[in-house]
């Protein structure tokens, strides 16, 4: 699924991906603490 999103990722999506990445990173960090 991520590969398809990257292929269909226009220059505007680049900003959306960064914002989503920041949210995913925060979730991963919380998961790491839980682990």
N, C-alpha and C. Protein backbone atom coordinates (compact mmCIF):
# COMPACT_ATOMS: atom_id res chain seq x y z
N UNK A 1 0.84 -1.21 0.00
CA UNK A 1 0.00 0.00 0.00
C UNK A 1 0.89 1.27 0.00
N UNK A 2 1.93 1.24 0.76
CA UNK A 2 2.80 2.46 0.79
C UNK A 2 3.43 2.67 -0.59
N UNK A 3 3.79 1.58 -1.23
CA UNK A 3 4.43 1.75 -2.57
C UNK A 3 3.43 2.43 -3.52
N UNK A 4 2.23 1.99 -3.50
CA UNK A 4 1.24 2.61 -4.43
C UNK A 4 1.08 4.10 -4.07
N UNK A 5 1.03 4.39 -2.84
CA UNK A 5 0.87 5.82 -2.45
C UNK A 5 2.08 6.61 -2.95
N UNK A 6 3.23 6.04 -2.82
CA UNK A 6 4.44 6.78 -3.27
C UNK A 6 4.37 6.98 -4.79
N UNK A 7 3.98 5.97 -5.49
CA UNK A 7 3.93 6.12 -6.98
C UNK A 7 2.89 7.19 -7.34
N UNK A 8 1.81 7.22 -6.64
CA UNK A 8 0.72 8.22 -6.95
C UNK A 8 0.91 9.39 -5.99
N UNK A 9 2.10 9.74 -5.76
CA UNK A 9 2.32 10.86 -4.79
C UNK A 9 2.78 12.11 -5.53
N UNK A 10 1.90 13.01 -5.86
CA UNK A 10 2.30 14.24 -6.58
C UNK A 10 3.14 15.16 -5.68
N UNK A 11 3.65 16.24 -6.19
CA UNK A 11 4.51 17.14 -5.40
C UNK A 11 3.75 17.68 -4.18
N UNK A 12 2.49 17.73 -4.23
CA UNK A 12 1.70 18.26 -3.07
C UNK A 12 1.63 17.17 -2.02
N UNK A 13 1.57 16.00 -2.47
CA UNK A 13 1.49 14.89 -1.45
C UNK A 13 2.79 14.89 -0.62
N UNK A 14 3.83 15.36 -1.19
CA UNK A 14 5.15 15.35 -0.42
C UNK A 14 4.90 16.02 0.93
N UNK A 15 4.18 17.05 0.95
CA UNK A 15 3.96 17.78 2.27
C UNK A 15 3.05 16.91 3.12
N UNK A 16 2.08 16.36 2.51
CA UNK A 16 1.14 15.52 3.32
C UNK A 16 1.92 14.33 3.89
N UNK A 17 2.78 13.79 3.12
CA UNK A 17 3.59 12.57 3.60
C UNK A 17 4.42 13.04 4.80
N UNK A 18 4.94 14.13 4.72
CA UNK A 18 5.85 14.59 5.87
C UNK A 18 4.96 14.73 7.10
N UNK A 19 3.86 15.27 6.93
CA UNK A 19 2.97 15.47 8.15
C UNK A 19 2.52 14.10 8.63
N UNK A 20 2.26 13.26 7.74
CA UNK A 20 1.80 11.88 8.18
C UNK A 20 2.98 11.17 8.83
N UNK A 21 4.11 11.35 8.27
CA UNK A 21 5.33 10.67 8.84
C UNK A 21 5.50 11.16 10.28
N UNK A 22 5.30 12.42 10.50
CA UNK A 22 5.50 12.96 11.88
C UNK A 22 4.49 12.26 12.81
N UNK A 23 3.36 12.06 12.34
CA UNK A 23 2.32 11.40 13.22
C UNK A 23 2.70 9.96 13.43
N UNK A 24 3.12 9.35 12.41
CA UNK A 24 3.52 7.88 12.54
C UNK A 24 4.72 7.81 13.47
N UNK A 25 5.58 8.68 13.35
CA UNK A 25 6.84 8.65 14.22
C UNK A 25 6.37 8.79 15.67
N UNK A 26 5.49 9.62 15.90
CA UNK A 26 5.06 9.82 17.33
C UNK A 26 4.40 8.54 17.79
N UNK A 27 3.71 7.93 16.96
CA UNK A 27 3.01 6.65 17.38
C UNK A 27 4.07 5.59 17.61
N UNK A 28 5.01 5.55 16.75
CA UNK A 28 6.08 4.51 16.92
C UNK A 28 6.80 4.78 18.24
N UNK A 29 7.02 5.95 18.52
CA UNK A 29 7.80 6.27 19.80
C UNK A 29 6.94 5.80 20.96
N UNK A 30 5.73 6.00 20.90
CA UNK A 30 4.86 5.56 22.04
C UNK A 30 4.87 4.05 22.08
N UNK A 31 4.83 3.47 20.98
CA UNK A 31 4.84 1.97 20.95
C UNK A 31 6.17 1.48 21.56
N UNK A 32 7.21 2.15 21.24
CA UNK A 32 8.56 1.72 21.75
C UNK A 32 8.52 1.78 23.28
N UNK A 33 7.92 2.73 23.80
CA UNK A 33 7.90 2.86 25.31
C UNK A 33 7.04 1.75 25.85
N UNK A 34 5.98 1.47 25.18
CA UNK A 34 5.09 0.39 25.67
C UNK A 34 5.86 -0.93 25.64
N UNK A 35 6.67 -1.11 24.65
CA UNK A 35 7.40 -2.39 24.47
C UNK A 35 8.38 -2.52 25.57
